[in-house]
Amino acid sequence: MYHEPRLDVKHEITYHVSMQATTIKLEYPILKELRKFLPPHQSLTAFVREILERDLRRRKIIQAADAYVAWLAKHPEEQEWMDEWSGADLEHMPTPTGRKKRR
């Protein structure tokens, strides 16, 4: 549904609907370190956002891996199938069983 922008609301046009204006205070030593690695083409805000997104992605992957390990513990047959798969010969083409070669 489309809504006309309201000019009496501060920042409504500036920020995307899913964004909230948030101020994060950083101690000077952290800010100094961030600026050392800040790419010249990127704003500090964008750089910090990128770092946070990367860390959140990493944490989600770790969480998913932990959940999968727990799931494998409850389903040992899956681990057996994985062991069988990891031992499969993937370098050579399997020979068809029960079929004769054409001459």
Protein backbone atom coordinates (compact mmCIF):
# COMPACT_ATOMS: atom_id res chain seq x y z
CA MET A 1 0.00 0.00 0.00
CA TYR A 2 1.39 3.39 -1.00
CA HIS A 3 1.44 6.24 1.50
CA GLU A 4 2.16 9.83 0.62
CA PRO A 5 5.30 11.09 2.41
CA ARG A 6 4.49 13.23 5.42
CA LEU A 7 6.73 16.23 5.60
CA ASP A 8 6.02 16.83 9.27
CA VAL A 9 7.78 13.60 10.31
CA LYS A 10 11.53 14.06 10.59
CA HIS A 11 13.66 11.52 8.65
CA GLU A 12 10.69 9.70 7.11
CA ILE A 13 12.00 10.31 3.61
CA THR A 14 15.67 9.88 4.53
CA TYR A 15 15.44 6.39 6.04
CA HIS A 16 14.16 3.27 4.36
CA VAL A 17 11.01 1.79 5.91
CA SER A 18 12.95 -1.06 7.52
CA MET A 19 15.68 1.24 8.88
CA GLN A 20 15.63 2.94 12.21
CA ALA A 21 17.88 5.85 13.00
CA THR A 22 20.20 4.47 15.66
CA THR A 23 23.19 6.06 17.29
CA ILE A 24 25.94 3.78 18.49
CA LYS A 25 28.55 5.29 20.73
CA LEU A 26 32.08 3.97 20.38
CA GLU A 27 35.04 4.52 22.60
CA TYR A 28 37.79 6.52 20.92
CA PRO A 29 40.30 3.60 20.67
CA ILE A 30 37.72 1.49 18.79
CA LEU A 31 36.83 4.39 16.51
CA LYS A 32 40.52 5.00 15.83
CA GLU A 33 41.00 1.32 14.89
CA LEU A 34 37.94 1.35 12.64
CA ARG A 35 39.22 4.40 10.78
CA LYS A 36 42.53 2.60 10.08
CA PHE A 37 40.63 -0.02 8.08
CA LEU A 38 37.94 2.24 6.60
CA PRO A 39 38.01 2.01 2.80
CA PRO A 40 38.32 5.47 1.24
CA HIS A 41 35.12 5.03 -0.81
CA GLN A 42 32.98 4.00 2.18
CA SER A 43 31.38 5.97 4.97
CA LEU A 44 32.00 4.99 8.58
CA THR A 45 28.31 4.10 8.94
CA ALA A 46 28.36 1.79 5.91
CA PHE A 47 31.63 0.20 7.10
CA VAL A 48 30.27 -0.53 10.59
CA ARG A 49 27.03 -1.87 9.06
CA GLU A 50 29.06 -4.20 6.82
CA ILE A 51 31.09 -5.44 9.80
CA LEU A 52 27.93 -6.08 11.82
CA GLU A 53 26.21 -7.88 8.93
CA ARG A 54 29.28 -10.08 8.41
CA ASP A 55 29.42 -10.95 12.10
CA LEU A 56 25.69 -11.75 12.20
CA ARG A 57 26.08 -14.01 9.15
CA ARG A 58 29.02 -15.78 10.83
CA ARG A 59 27.02 -16.30 14.03
CA LYS A 60 24.04 -17.69 12.09
CA ILE A 61 26.31 -20.14 10.27
CA ILE A 62 27.82 -21.29 13.57
CA GLN A 63 24.33 -21.66 15.05
CA ALA A 64 23.18 -23.70 12.03
CA ALA A 65 26.27 -25.90 12.24
CA ASP A 66 25.63 -26.56 15.94
CA ALA A 67 22.00 -27.43 15.20
CA TYR A 68 23.09 -29.80 12.43
CA VAL A 69 25.60 -31.54 14.71
CA ALA A 70 22.85 -31.97 17.32
CA TRP A 71 20.51 -33.32 14.63
CA LEU A 72 23.18 -35.80 13.46
CA ALA A 73 23.54 -37.03 17.03
CA LYS A 74 19.81 -37.84 17.06
CA HIS A 75 19.91 -39.44 13.58
CA PRO A 76 22.98 -41.72 13.40
CA GLU A 77 21.77 -43.27 10.11
CA GLU A 78 22.40 -39.93 8.40
CA GLN A 79 26.01 -39.99 9.61
CA GLU A 80 26.36 -43.54 8.24
CA TRP A 81 25.05 -42.39 4.84
CA MET A 82 27.46 -39.46 4.89
CA ASP A 83 30.37 -41.79 5.71
CA GLU A 84 29.33 -44.04 2.82
CA TRP A 85 29.12 -41.05 0.49
CA SER A 86 32.51 -39.69 1.54
CA GLY A 87 34.06 -43.09 0.75
CA ALA A 88 32.51 -43.23 -2.74
CA ASP A 89 34.80 -43.29 -5.75
CA LEU A 90 33.96 -40.06 -7.53
CA GLU A 91 36.91 -40.13 -9.92
CA HIS A 92 35.81 -43.09 -12.04
CA MET A 93 32.57 -43.68 -13.88
CA PRO A 94 30.59 -46.51 -12.30
CA THR A 95 30.09 -49.53 -14.50
CA PRO A 96 26.48 -50.35 -15.13
CA THR A 97 25.44 -53.51 -13.32
CA GLY A 98 23.48 -56.16 -15.15
CA ARG A 99 24.11 -54.64 -18.58
CA LYS A 100 26.31 -56.03 -21.29
CA LYS A 101 28.65 -53.86 -23.31
CA ARG A 102 27.65 -53.17 -26.91
CA ARG A 103 30.07 -54.25 -29.58
